């Protein structure tokens, strides 16, 4: 998933929704996108606690471990792939689309592994538990909410849509749908 986030940043047409807020915050501070991701994930875990109330347990705090690793990997992959020649708009779109696919596969594997989920998905799982709504639908809703928050921060502090563009919108609209498609494909292979 970190590779998908890094590629979306490097595409230059907006990061994935899960990283749109950290990306914009990194543009208005001296901290990297990975460092700001840790901050946002801590806030997300606090929101999970508010949503789950008594269902929230100390095991939910274990999300901090993969979150820290994930954040470091984002910065690592930004450095590794930073040399790619993503200089034309068609290339930017292709890299953005590839980043969305990588992110969706990662989200599917993470959520269905039955292990610790990242805070970005943990909050969606928490909302799904409380509202009894499907994860894939709520993932799209949460992604759109993150993009809107990033847009507001960008407009207030950067006075424009800096760090949030069409790649962000595409990822917000497609990631959850790709997760649902992957789930259907996996279910089809399991029954055969």
N, C-alpha and C. Protein backbone atom coordinates (compact mmCIF):
# COMPACT_ATOMS: atom_id res chain seq x y z
N UNK A 1 0.83 -1.20 0.00
CA UNK A 1 0.00 0.00 0.00
C UNK A 1 0.87 1.26 0.00
N UNK A 2 1.97 1.21 0.74
CA UNK A 2 2.86 2.37 0.78
C UNK A 2 3.39 2.70 -0.60
N UNK A 3 3.65 1.66 -1.40
CA UNK A 3 4.12 1.88 -2.77
C UNK A 3 3.05 2.61 -3.58
N UNK A 4 1.80 2.24 -3.40
CA UNK A 4 0.71 2.90 -4.09
C UNK A 4 0.60 4.36 -3.71
N UNK A 5 0.75 4.65 -2.42
CA UNK A 5 0.69 6.04 -1.95
C UNK A 5 1.85 6.84 -2.55
N UNK A 6 3.05 6.25 -2.50
CA UNK A 6 4.23 6.94 -3.04
C UNK A 6 4.07 7.22 -4.53
N UNK A 7 3.59 6.22 -5.28
CA UNK A 7 3.40 6.42 -6.71
C UNK A 7 2.36 7.50 -7.00
N UNK A 8 1.31 7.53 -6.19
CA UNK A 8 0.29 8.56 -6.41
C UNK A 8 0.86 9.95 -6.16
N UNK A 9 1.72 10.07 -5.16
CA UNK A 9 2.36 11.36 -4.90
C UNK A 9 3.27 11.75 -6.05
N UNK A 10 4.06 10.78 -6.52
CA UNK A 10 5.02 11.06 -7.60
C UNK A 10 4.34 11.33 -8.94
N UNK A 11 3.13 10.81 -9.11
CA UNK A 11 2.40 11.06 -10.36
C UNK A 11 2.12 12.56 -10.52
N UNK A 12 2.02 13.25 -9.39
CA UNK A 12 1.88 14.70 -9.44
C UNK A 12 0.49 15.20 -9.76
N UNK A 13 -0.50 14.30 -9.77
CA UNK A 13 -1.87 14.76 -10.04
C UNK A 13 -2.78 14.44 -8.86
N UNK A 14 -2.18 14.41 -7.67
CA UNK A 14 -2.95 14.17 -6.45
C UNK A 14 -2.67 12.80 -5.87
N UNK A 15 -2.54 12.76 -4.57
CA UNK A 15 -2.27 11.51 -3.88
C UNK A 15 -3.55 10.73 -3.66
N UNK A 16 -3.39 9.53 -3.15
CA UNK A 16 -4.56 8.73 -2.78
C UNK A 16 -5.29 9.44 -1.64
N UNK A 17 -6.58 9.19 -1.49
CA UNK A 17 -7.34 9.85 -0.44
C UNK A 17 -6.76 9.65 0.96
N UNK A 18 -6.28 8.44 1.23
CA UNK A 18 -5.75 8.15 2.56
C UNK A 18 -4.54 9.03 2.87
N UNK A 19 -3.88 9.49 1.82
CA UNK A 19 -2.70 10.34 2.02
C UNK A 19 -2.92 11.78 1.60
N UNK A 20 -4.12 12.13 1.21
CA UNK A 20 -4.36 13.50 0.76
C UNK A 20 -4.16 14.51 1.89
N UNK A 21 -4.64 14.18 3.08
CA UNK A 21 -4.46 15.09 4.21
C UNK A 21 -2.98 15.17 4.59
N UNK A 22 -2.28 14.03 4.81
CA UNK A 22 -0.84 14.13 5.11
C UNK A 22 -0.05 14.83 4.01
N UNK A 23 -0.42 14.62 2.75
CA UNK A 23 0.29 15.28 1.66
C UNK A 23 0.14 16.79 1.74
N UNK A 24 -1.07 17.27 1.93
CA UNK A 24 -1.29 18.71 2.02
C UNK A 24 -0.60 19.27 3.27
N UNK A 25 -0.70 18.55 4.38
CA UNK A 25 -0.03 19.01 5.60
C UNK A 25 1.49 19.06 5.42
N UNK A 26 2.04 18.12 4.65
CA UNK A 26 3.49 18.14 4.40
C UNK A 26 3.89 19.34 3.55
N UNK A 27 2.97 19.82 2.74
CA UNK A 27 3.25 20.99 1.90
C UNK A 27 3.22 22.29 2.69
N UNK A 28 2.55 22.29 3.85
CA UNK A 28 2.48 23.51 4.66
C UNK A 28 3.36 23.42 5.90
N UNK A 29 4.10 22.32 6.03
CA UNK A 29 4.99 22.16 7.18
C UNK A 29 6.36 21.71 6.69
N UNK A 30 7.26 21.48 7.62
CA UNK A 30 8.59 21.00 7.24
C UNK A 30 8.70 19.49 7.35
N UNK A 31 7.58 18.81 7.52
CA UNK A 31 7.58 17.36 7.69
C UNK A 31 7.20 16.66 6.39
N UNK A 32 7.71 15.42 6.23
CA UNK A 32 7.44 14.65 5.02
C UNK A 32 6.03 14.07 5.04
N UNK A 33 5.62 13.56 3.90
CA UNK A 33 4.30 12.92 3.81
C UNK A 33 4.23 11.71 4.75
N UNK A 34 5.33 10.97 4.87
CA UNK A 34 5.35 9.83 5.78
C UNK A 34 5.20 10.25 7.23
N UNK A 35 5.90 11.30 7.62
CA UNK A 35 5.80 11.79 9.00
C UNK A 35 4.40 12.30 9.31
N UNK A 36 3.81 13.02 8.37
CA UNK A 36 2.45 13.52 8.59
C UNK A 36 1.44 12.39 8.59
N UNK A 37 1.75 11.30 7.88
CA UNK A 37 0.86 10.14 7.87
C UNK A 37 0.73 9.55 9.26
N UNK A 38 1.84 9.47 10.00
CA UNK A 38 1.79 8.96 11.38
C UNK A 38 0.87 9.82 12.24
N UNK A 39 0.99 11.13 12.10
CA UNK A 39 0.15 12.05 12.89
C UNK A 39 -1.33 11.81 12.58
N UNK A 40 -1.66 11.73 11.31
CA UNK A 40 -3.06 11.52 10.91
C UNK A 40 -3.56 10.16 11.38
N UNK A 41 -2.71 9.15 11.34
CA UNK A 41 -3.14 7.82 11.77
C UNK A 41 -3.39 7.77 13.28
N UNK A 42 -2.63 8.51 14.05
CA UNK A 42 -2.89 8.59 15.50
C UNK A 42 -4.25 9.24 15.73
N UNK A 43 -4.53 10.32 15.01
CA UNK A 43 -5.84 10.98 15.13
C UNK A 43 -6.95 10.02 14.71
N UNK A 44 -6.72 9.24 13.67
CA UNK A 44 -7.71 8.28 13.18
C UNK A 44 -8.01 7.22 14.25
N UNK A 45 -6.99 6.76 14.94
CA UNK A 45 -7.20 5.77 16.01
C UNK A 45 -8.03 6.38 17.14
N UNK A 46 -7.78 7.65 17.44
CA UNK A 46 -8.59 8.33 18.47
C UNK A 46 -10.05 8.41 18.03
N UNK A 47 -10.28 8.68 16.75
CA UNK A 47 -11.66 8.70 16.23
C UNK A 47 -12.30 7.32 16.32
N UNK A 48 -11.51 6.28 16.04
CA UNK A 48 -12.02 4.90 16.19
C UNK A 48 -12.51 4.66 17.61
N UNK A 49 -11.74 5.13 18.59
CA UNK A 49 -12.11 4.96 19.99
C UNK A 49 -13.44 5.64 20.28
N UNK A 50 -13.65 6.82 19.71
CA UNK A 50 -14.92 7.52 19.90
C UNK A 50 -16.08 6.78 19.24
N UNK A 51 -15.83 6.20 18.07
CA UNK A 51 -16.88 5.48 17.34
C UNK A 51 -17.23 4.17 18.03
N UNK A 52 -16.21 3.42 18.40
CA UNK A 52 -16.44 2.08 18.96
C UNK A 52 -16.81 2.09 20.44
N UNK A 53 -16.43 3.13 21.14
CA UNK A 53 -16.68 3.27 22.58
C UNK A 53 -16.25 2.03 23.34
N UNK A 54 -17.16 1.28 23.89
CA UNK A 54 -16.81 0.11 24.71
C UNK A 54 -16.22 -1.03 23.90
N UNK A 55 -16.48 -1.05 22.60
CA UNK A 55 -15.92 -2.11 21.74
C UNK A 55 -14.45 -1.86 21.42
N UNK A 56 -13.97 -0.65 21.66
CA UNK A 56 -12.56 -0.33 21.43
C UNK A 56 -11.72 -0.99 22.51
N UNK A 57 -10.66 -1.67 22.09
CA UNK A 57 -9.80 -2.34 23.07
C UNK A 57 -8.34 -1.97 22.83
N UNK A 58 -7.51 -2.40 23.73
CA UNK A 58 -6.08 -2.11 23.61
C UNK A 58 -5.51 -2.69 22.32
N UNK A 59 -6.12 -3.75 21.80
CA UNK A 59 -5.61 -4.34 20.56
C UNK A 59 -5.77 -3.37 19.38
N UNK A 60 -6.74 -2.46 19.47
CA UNK A 60 -6.88 -1.44 18.43
C UNK A 60 -5.64 -0.54 18.38
N UNK A 61 -4.99 -0.37 19.52
CA UNK A 61 -3.79 0.46 19.56
C UNK A 61 -2.62 -0.18 18.82
N UNK A 62 -2.70 -1.50 18.61
CA UNK A 62 -1.65 -2.18 17.87
C UNK A 62 -1.55 -1.68 16.43
N UNK A 63 -2.58 -0.97 15.97
CA UNK A 63 -2.55 -0.39 14.62
C UNK A 63 -1.38 0.59 14.46
N UNK A 64 -0.89 1.10 15.58
CA UNK A 64 0.23 2.04 15.51
C UNK A 64 1.50 1.39 14.95
N UNK A 65 1.67 0.08 15.19
CA UNK A 65 2.87 -0.60 14.71
C UNK A 65 2.95 -0.63 13.19
N UNK A 66 1.94 -1.18 12.50
CA UNK A 66 2.05 -1.13 11.03
C UNK A 66 1.96 0.29 10.49
N UNK A 67 1.29 1.19 11.22
CA UNK A 67 1.18 2.58 10.77
C UNK A 67 2.55 3.24 10.70
N UNK A 68 3.37 3.00 11.72
CA UNK A 68 4.72 3.58 11.73
C UNK A 68 5.56 3.01 10.59
N UNK A 69 5.47 1.70 10.38
CA UNK A 69 6.21 1.04 9.30
C UNK A 69 5.72 1.55 7.95
N UNK A 70 4.42 1.64 7.78
CA UNK A 70 3.80 2.13 6.55
C UNK A 70 4.28 3.54 6.23
N UNK A 71 4.29 4.39 7.23
CA UNK A 71 4.70 5.78 7.03
C UNK A 71 6.15 5.88 6.58
N UNK A 72 7.01 5.06 7.19
CA UNK A 72 8.42 5.04 6.78
C UNK A 72 8.56 4.52 5.35
N UNK A 73 7.76 3.51 5.01
CA UNK A 73 7.81 2.95 3.65
C UNK A 73 7.35 3.96 2.60
N UNK A 74 6.39 4.79 2.94
CA UNK A 74 5.95 5.82 1.97
C UNK A 74 7.14 6.69 1.58
N UNK A 75 7.84 7.21 2.60
CA UNK A 75 9.00 8.06 2.31
C UNK A 75 10.08 7.29 1.56
N UNK A 76 10.27 6.01 1.91
CA UNK A 76 11.25 5.17 1.23
C UNK A 76 10.91 5.02 -0.26
N UNK A 77 9.65 4.67 -0.55
CA UNK A 77 9.25 4.48 -1.95
C UNK A 77 9.25 5.79 -2.74
N UNK A 78 8.99 6.91 -2.08
CA UNK A 78 9.11 8.20 -2.77
C UNK A 78 10.55 8.40 -3.23
N UNK A 79 11.51 8.03 -2.36
CA UNK A 79 12.92 8.14 -2.75
C UNK A 79 13.28 7.14 -3.85
N UNK A 80 12.82 5.88 -3.72
CA UNK A 80 13.15 4.83 -4.69
C UNK A 80 12.62 5.16 -6.08
N UNK A 81 11.36 5.58 -6.16
CA UNK A 81 10.74 5.83 -7.46
C UNK A 81 10.83 7.29 -7.91
N UNK A 82 11.48 8.11 -7.12
CA UNK A 82 11.56 9.53 -7.42
C UNK A 82 12.24 9.86 -8.74
N UNK A 83 13.02 8.92 -9.26
CA UNK A 83 13.74 9.15 -10.52
C UNK A 83 12.92 8.81 -11.76
N UNK A 84 11.75 8.21 -11.59
CA UNK A 84 10.93 7.81 -12.74
C UNK A 84 10.54 9.04 -13.57
N UNK A 85 10.62 8.92 -14.89
CA UNK A 85 10.26 10.06 -15.75
C UNK A 85 8.74 10.16 -15.95
N UNK A 86 8.08 10.73 -14.96
CA UNK A 86 6.62 10.90 -15.03
C UNK A 86 6.36 12.35 -15.41
N UNK A 87 6.73 12.67 -16.64
CA UNK A 87 6.74 14.07 -17.05
C UNK A 87 5.60 14.48 -17.96
N UNK A 88 4.87 13.51 -18.49
CA UNK A 88 3.75 13.86 -19.37
C UNK A 88 2.43 13.49 -18.68
N UNK A 89 1.38 14.16 -19.09
CA UNK A 89 0.08 13.90 -18.46
C UNK A 89 -0.38 12.46 -18.65
N UNK A 90 -0.23 11.85 -19.83
CA UNK A 90 -0.62 10.44 -19.96
C UNK A 90 0.14 9.53 -18.98
N UNK A 91 1.43 9.79 -18.81
CA UNK A 91 2.22 9.00 -17.84
C UNK A 91 1.71 9.23 -16.42
N UNK A 92 1.39 10.47 -16.11
CA UNK A 92 0.86 10.77 -14.78
C UNK A 92 -0.43 9.99 -14.53
N UNK A 93 -1.30 9.96 -15.53
CA UNK A 93 -2.56 9.22 -15.39
C UNK A 93 -2.31 7.72 -15.23
N UNK A 94 -1.38 7.18 -16.00
CA UNK A 94 -1.07 5.74 -15.91
C UNK A 94 -0.51 5.41 -14.53
N UNK A 95 0.45 6.20 -14.06
CA UNK A 95 1.04 5.94 -12.74
C UNK A 95 -0.01 6.11 -11.65
N UNK A 96 -0.87 7.09 -11.79
CA UNK A 96 -1.95 7.28 -10.82
C UNK A 96 -2.88 6.07 -10.79
N UNK A 97 -3.25 5.58 -11.96
CA UNK A 97 -4.13 4.41 -12.06
C UNK A 97 -3.46 3.17 -11.46
N UNK A 98 -2.18 2.96 -11.76
CA UNK A 98 -1.43 1.84 -11.19
C UNK A 98 -1.39 1.96 -9.66
N UNK A 99 -1.20 3.17 -9.17
CA UNK A 99 -1.15 3.38 -7.72
C UNK A 99 -2.49 3.02 -7.07
N UNK A 100 -3.59 3.32 -7.75
CA UNK A 100 -4.92 2.98 -7.23
C UNK A 100 -5.09 1.47 -7.18
N UNK A 101 -4.66 0.77 -8.21
CA UNK A 101 -4.75 -0.70 -8.21
C UNK A 101 -3.91 -1.32 -7.09
N UNK A 102 -2.68 -0.83 -6.94
CA UNK A 102 -1.80 -1.34 -5.88
C UNK A 102 -2.43 -1.10 -4.52
N UNK A 103 -2.96 0.09 -4.32
CA UNK A 103 -3.60 0.42 -3.05
C UNK A 103 -4.81 -0.47 -2.79
N UNK A 104 -5.63 -0.71 -3.79
CA UNK A 104 -6.83 -1.54 -3.63
C UNK A 104 -6.46 -2.98 -3.28
N UNK A 105 -5.45 -3.53 -3.95
CA UNK A 105 -5.00 -4.88 -3.62
C UNK A 105 -4.50 -4.92 -2.18
N UNK A 106 -3.74 -3.93 -1.79
CA UNK A 106 -3.24 -3.86 -0.42
C UNK A 106 -4.35 -3.76 0.60
N UNK A 107 -5.34 -2.92 0.33
CA UNK A 107 -6.48 -2.78 1.25
C UNK A 107 -7.23 -4.10 1.36
N UNK A 108 -7.49 -4.75 0.23
CA UNK A 108 -8.20 -6.03 0.26
C UNK A 108 -7.43 -7.05 1.10
N UNK A 109 -6.14 -7.20 0.83
CA UNK A 109 -5.33 -8.18 1.56
C UNK A 109 -5.27 -7.86 3.05
N UNK A 110 -5.12 -6.60 3.35
CA UNK A 110 -5.03 -6.16 4.74
C UNK A 110 -6.32 -6.46 5.51
N UNK A 111 -7.44 -6.07 4.96
CA UNK A 111 -8.72 -6.22 5.64
C UNK A 111 -9.11 -7.69 5.76
N UNK A 112 -8.79 -8.49 4.75
CA UNK A 112 -9.20 -9.90 4.75
C UNK A 112 -8.18 -10.84 5.37
N UNK A 113 -7.04 -10.34 5.77
CA UNK A 113 -6.02 -11.19 6.39
C UNK A 113 -6.40 -11.57 7.82
N UNK A 114 -7.30 -10.81 8.42
CA UNK A 114 -7.69 -11.09 9.79
C UNK A 114 -6.63 -10.67 10.79
N UNK A 115 -5.70 -9.84 10.35
CA UNK A 115 -4.64 -9.35 11.22
C UNK A 115 -4.94 -7.90 11.58
N UNK A 116 -3.96 -7.21 12.07
CA UNK A 116 -4.12 -5.81 12.41
C UNK A 116 -4.28 -5.00 11.13
N UNK A 117 -5.29 -4.16 11.09
CA UNK A 117 -5.48 -3.29 9.92
C UNK A 117 -4.86 -1.94 10.21
N UNK A 118 -4.59 -1.21 9.15
CA UNK A 118 -4.07 0.15 9.28
C UNK A 118 -5.20 1.05 9.78
N UNK A 119 -4.85 2.15 10.45
CA UNK A 119 -5.89 3.05 10.95
C UNK A 119 -6.84 3.58 9.87
N UNK A 120 -6.36 3.80 8.67
CA UNK A 120 -7.23 4.28 7.59
C UNK A 120 -8.34 3.31 7.26
N UNK A 121 -8.04 2.02 7.36
CA UNK A 121 -9.07 0.99 7.16
C UNK A 121 -9.75 0.65 8.48
N UNK A 122 -9.02 0.79 9.58
CA UNK A 122 -9.58 0.50 10.90
C UNK A 122 -10.79 1.37 11.21
N UNK A 123 -10.71 2.62 10.83
CA UNK A 123 -11.85 3.50 11.08
C UNK A 123 -13.04 3.10 10.22
N UNK A 124 -12.78 2.63 8.99
CA UNK A 124 -13.87 2.17 8.12
C UNK A 124 -14.49 0.90 8.71
N UNK A 125 -13.65 -0.01 9.19
CA UNK A 125 -14.15 -1.23 9.84
C UNK A 125 -14.99 -0.86 11.06
N UNK A 126 -14.54 0.12 11.84
CA UNK A 126 -15.28 0.55 13.03
C UNK A 126 -16.65 1.10 12.65
N UNK A 127 -16.69 1.94 11.63
CA UNK A 127 -17.97 2.50 11.18
C UNK A 127 -18.87 1.39 10.66
N UNK A 128 -18.28 0.43 9.93
CA UNK A 128 -19.06 -0.71 9.41
C UNK A 128 -19.66 -1.53 10.54
N UNK A 129 -18.90 -1.74 11.61
CA UNK A 129 -19.41 -2.50 12.76
C UNK A 129 -20.59 -1.80 13.42
N UNK A 130 -20.49 -0.49 13.54
CA UNK A 130 -21.53 0.28 14.23
C UNK A 130 -22.76 0.48 13.35
N UNK A 131 -22.55 0.71 12.05
CA UNK A 131 -23.68 1.03 11.15
C UNK A 131 -24.21 -0.18 10.38
N UNK A 132 -23.47 -1.28 10.39
CA UNK A 132 -23.84 -2.50 9.64
C UNK A 132 -23.92 -2.24 8.13
N UNK A 133 -23.07 -1.34 7.65
CA UNK A 133 -22.97 -1.04 6.22
C UNK A 133 -21.79 -1.81 5.64
N UNK A 134 -21.80 -2.10 4.34
CA UNK A 134 -20.68 -2.83 3.73
C UNK A 134 -19.39 -2.00 3.72
N UNK A 135 -18.27 -2.68 3.99
CA UNK A 135 -16.97 -2.03 4.05
C UNK A 135 -16.67 -1.26 2.76
N UNK A 136 -16.87 -1.89 1.61
CA UNK A 136 -16.50 -1.27 0.32
C UNK A 136 -17.21 0.07 0.12
N UNK A 137 -18.50 0.13 0.46
CA UNK A 137 -19.25 1.38 0.30
C UNK A 137 -18.72 2.45 1.26
N UNK A 138 -18.49 2.04 2.51
CA UNK A 138 -17.99 2.98 3.50
C UNK A 138 -16.58 3.45 3.18
N UNK A 139 -15.79 2.60 2.56
CA UNK A 139 -14.43 2.98 2.16
C UNK A 139 -14.49 4.14 1.17
N UNK A 140 -15.39 4.07 0.21
CA UNK A 140 -15.56 5.17 -0.75
C UNK A 140 -16.00 6.44 -0.02
N UNK A 141 -16.97 6.32 0.89
CA UNK A 141 -17.45 7.48 1.64
C UNK A 141 -16.34 8.12 2.47
N UNK A 142 -15.56 7.29 3.16
CA UNK A 142 -14.46 7.80 3.98
C UNK A 142 -13.38 8.45 3.12
N UNK A 143 -13.09 7.85 1.97
CA UNK A 143 -12.10 8.43 1.06
C UNK A 143 -12.54 9.81 0.59
N UNK A 144 -13.81 9.94 0.26
CA UNK A 144 -14.33 11.24 -0.19
C UNK A 144 -14.25 12.26 0.94
N UNK A 145 -14.57 11.85 2.16
CA UNK A 145 -14.46 12.75 3.31
C UNK A 145 -13.02 13.22 3.51
N UNK A 146 -12.06 12.31 3.37
CA UNK A 146 -10.65 12.69 3.52
C UNK A 146 -10.23 13.69 2.45
N UNK A 147 -10.70 13.49 1.24
CA UNK A 147 -10.38 14.42 0.15
C UNK A 147 -10.97 15.79 0.44
N UNK A 148 -12.20 15.84 0.91
CA UNK A 148 -12.83 17.13 1.22
C UNK A 148 -12.07 17.87 2.32
N UNK A 149 -11.63 17.14 3.34
CA UNK A 149 -10.84 17.76 4.41
C UNK A 149 -9.52 18.30 3.85
N UNK A 150 -8.87 17.51 2.99
CA UNK A 150 -7.61 17.96 2.37
C UNK A 150 -7.82 19.21 1.52
N UNK A 151 -8.93 19.25 0.79
CA UNK A 151 -9.25 20.42 -0.04
C UNK A 151 -9.42 21.65 0.84
N UNK A 152 -10.14 21.51 1.93
CA UNK A 152 -10.35 22.65 2.84
C UNK A 152 -9.02 23.14 3.40
N UNK A 153 -8.17 22.21 3.85
CA UNK A 153 -6.85 22.59 4.39
C UNK A 153 -6.03 23.29 3.31
N UNK A 154 -6.04 22.75 2.08
CA UNK A 154 -5.27 23.36 0.98
C UNK A 154 -5.78 24.76 0.66
N UNK A 155 -7.10 24.91 0.62
CA UNK A 155 -7.66 26.23 0.30
C UNK A 155 -7.34 27.26 1.39
N UNK A 156 -7.42 26.84 2.64
CA UNK A 156 -7.18 27.76 3.75
C UNK A 156 -5.70 28.14 3.86
N UNK A 157 -4.81 27.14 3.79
CA UNK A 157 -3.39 27.40 4.06
C UNK A 157 -2.54 27.61 2.81
N UNK A 158 -2.92 27.02 1.69
CA UNK A 158 -2.13 27.14 0.46
C UNK A 158 -2.83 28.00 -0.59
N UNK A 159 -4.06 28.42 -0.27
CA UNK A 159 -4.84 29.31 -1.13
C UNK A 159 -5.07 28.75 -2.54
N UNK A 160 -5.24 27.44 -2.61
CA UNK A 160 -5.52 26.79 -3.89
C UNK A 160 -5.59 25.29 -3.72
N UNK A 161 -5.94 24.61 -4.79
CA UNK A 161 -6.03 23.15 -4.77
C UNK A 161 -4.66 22.53 -5.00
N UNK A 162 -3.76 22.79 -4.11
CA UNK A 162 -2.40 22.27 -4.21
C UNK A 162 -2.33 20.96 -3.43
N UNK A 163 -1.85 19.91 -4.09
CA UNK A 163 -1.74 18.60 -3.45
C UNK A 163 -2.97 17.73 -3.60
N UNK A 164 -4.04 18.30 -4.09
CA UNK A 164 -5.29 17.55 -4.32
C UNK A 164 -5.73 17.86 -5.75
N UNK A 165 -5.75 16.81 -6.57
CA UNK A 165 -6.15 17.00 -7.96
C UNK A 165 -6.99 15.84 -8.44
N UNK A 166 -7.04 15.67 -9.76
CA UNK A 166 -7.90 14.64 -10.34
C UNK A 166 -7.47 13.22 -9.95
N UNK A 167 -6.18 13.01 -9.70
CA UNK A 167 -5.73 11.69 -9.25
C UNK A 167 -6.31 11.33 -7.90
N UNK A 168 -6.45 12.34 -7.05
CA UNK A 168 -7.05 12.13 -5.73
C UNK A 168 -8.52 11.76 -5.87
N UNK A 169 -9.21 12.48 -6.73
CA UNK A 169 -10.64 12.20 -6.95
C UNK A 169 -10.83 10.81 -7.55
N UNK A 170 -10.00 10.46 -8.53
CA UNK A 170 -10.08 9.12 -9.12
C UNK A 170 -9.86 8.04 -8.07
N UNK A 171 -8.86 8.23 -7.24
CA UNK A 171 -8.58 7.24 -6.19
C UNK A 171 -9.73 7.15 -5.20
N UNK A 172 -10.32 8.30 -4.85
CA UNK A 172 -11.45 8.29 -3.92
C UNK A 172 -12.63 7.53 -4.49
N UNK A 173 -12.85 7.69 -5.78
CA UNK A 173 -13.99 7.04 -6.41
C UNK A 173 -13.73 5.58 -6.77
N UNK A 174 -12.48 5.21 -7.02
CA UNK A 174 -12.17 3.88 -7.54
C UNK A 174 -11.63 2.87 -6.53
N UNK A 175 -10.95 3.31 -5.50
CA UNK A 175 -10.30 2.36 -4.58
C UNK A 175 -11.31 1.40 -3.97
N UNK A 176 -12.37 1.91 -3.39
CA UNK A 176 -13.39 1.04 -2.78
C UNK A 176 -14.04 0.12 -3.80
N UNK A 177 -14.27 0.65 -4.99
CA UNK A 177 -14.87 -0.18 -6.04
C UNK A 177 -13.91 -1.29 -6.48
N UNK A 178 -12.62 -0.97 -6.57
CA UNK A 178 -11.64 -2.00 -6.91
C UNK A 178 -11.54 -3.05 -5.81
N UNK A 179 -11.64 -2.62 -4.55
CA UNK A 179 -11.63 -3.57 -3.43
C UNK A 179 -12.81 -4.52 -3.57
N UNK A 180 -13.99 -3.99 -3.88
CA UNK A 180 -15.18 -4.83 -4.06
C UNK A 180 -15.00 -5.78 -5.24
N UNK A 181 -14.42 -5.31 -6.33
CA UNK A 181 -14.18 -6.15 -7.51
C UNK A 181 -13.19 -7.27 -7.17
N UNK A 182 -12.13 -6.94 -6.47
CA UNK A 182 -11.15 -7.94 -6.05
C UNK A 182 -11.82 -8.99 -5.17
N UNK A 183 -12.67 -8.54 -4.24
CA UNK A 183 -13.38 -9.47 -3.36
C UNK A 183 -14.25 -10.43 -4.17
N UNK A 184 -14.94 -9.92 -5.18
CA UNK A 184 -15.78 -10.78 -6.03
C UNK A 184 -14.94 -11.79 -6.81
N UNK A 185 -13.81 -11.32 -7.34
CA UNK A 185 -12.93 -12.22 -8.09
C UNK A 185 -12.36 -13.32 -7.19
N UNK A 186 -11.95 -12.95 -6.00
CA UNK A 186 -11.40 -13.94 -5.06
C UNK A 186 -12.49 -14.93 -4.66
N UNK A 187 -13.70 -14.44 -4.40
CA UNK A 187 -14.81 -15.33 -4.03
C UNK A 187 -15.11 -16.30 -5.17
N UNK A 188 -15.04 -15.81 -6.40
CA UNK A 188 -15.30 -16.66 -7.57
C UNK A 188 -14.25 -17.77 -7.66
N UNK A 189 -12.99 -17.44 -7.42
CA UNK A 189 -11.93 -18.44 -7.47
C UNK A 189 -12.03 -19.43 -6.32
N UNK A 190 -12.51 -18.97 -5.16
CA UNK A 190 -12.67 -19.86 -4.01
C UNK A 190 -13.74 -20.91 -4.25
N UNK A 191 -14.80 -20.53 -4.98
CA UNK A 191 -15.91 -21.46 -5.22
C UNK A 191 -15.61 -22.44 -6.34
N UNK A 192 -14.63 -22.13 -7.17
CA UNK A 192 -14.28 -23.03 -8.30
C UNK A 192 -13.27 -24.07 -7.90
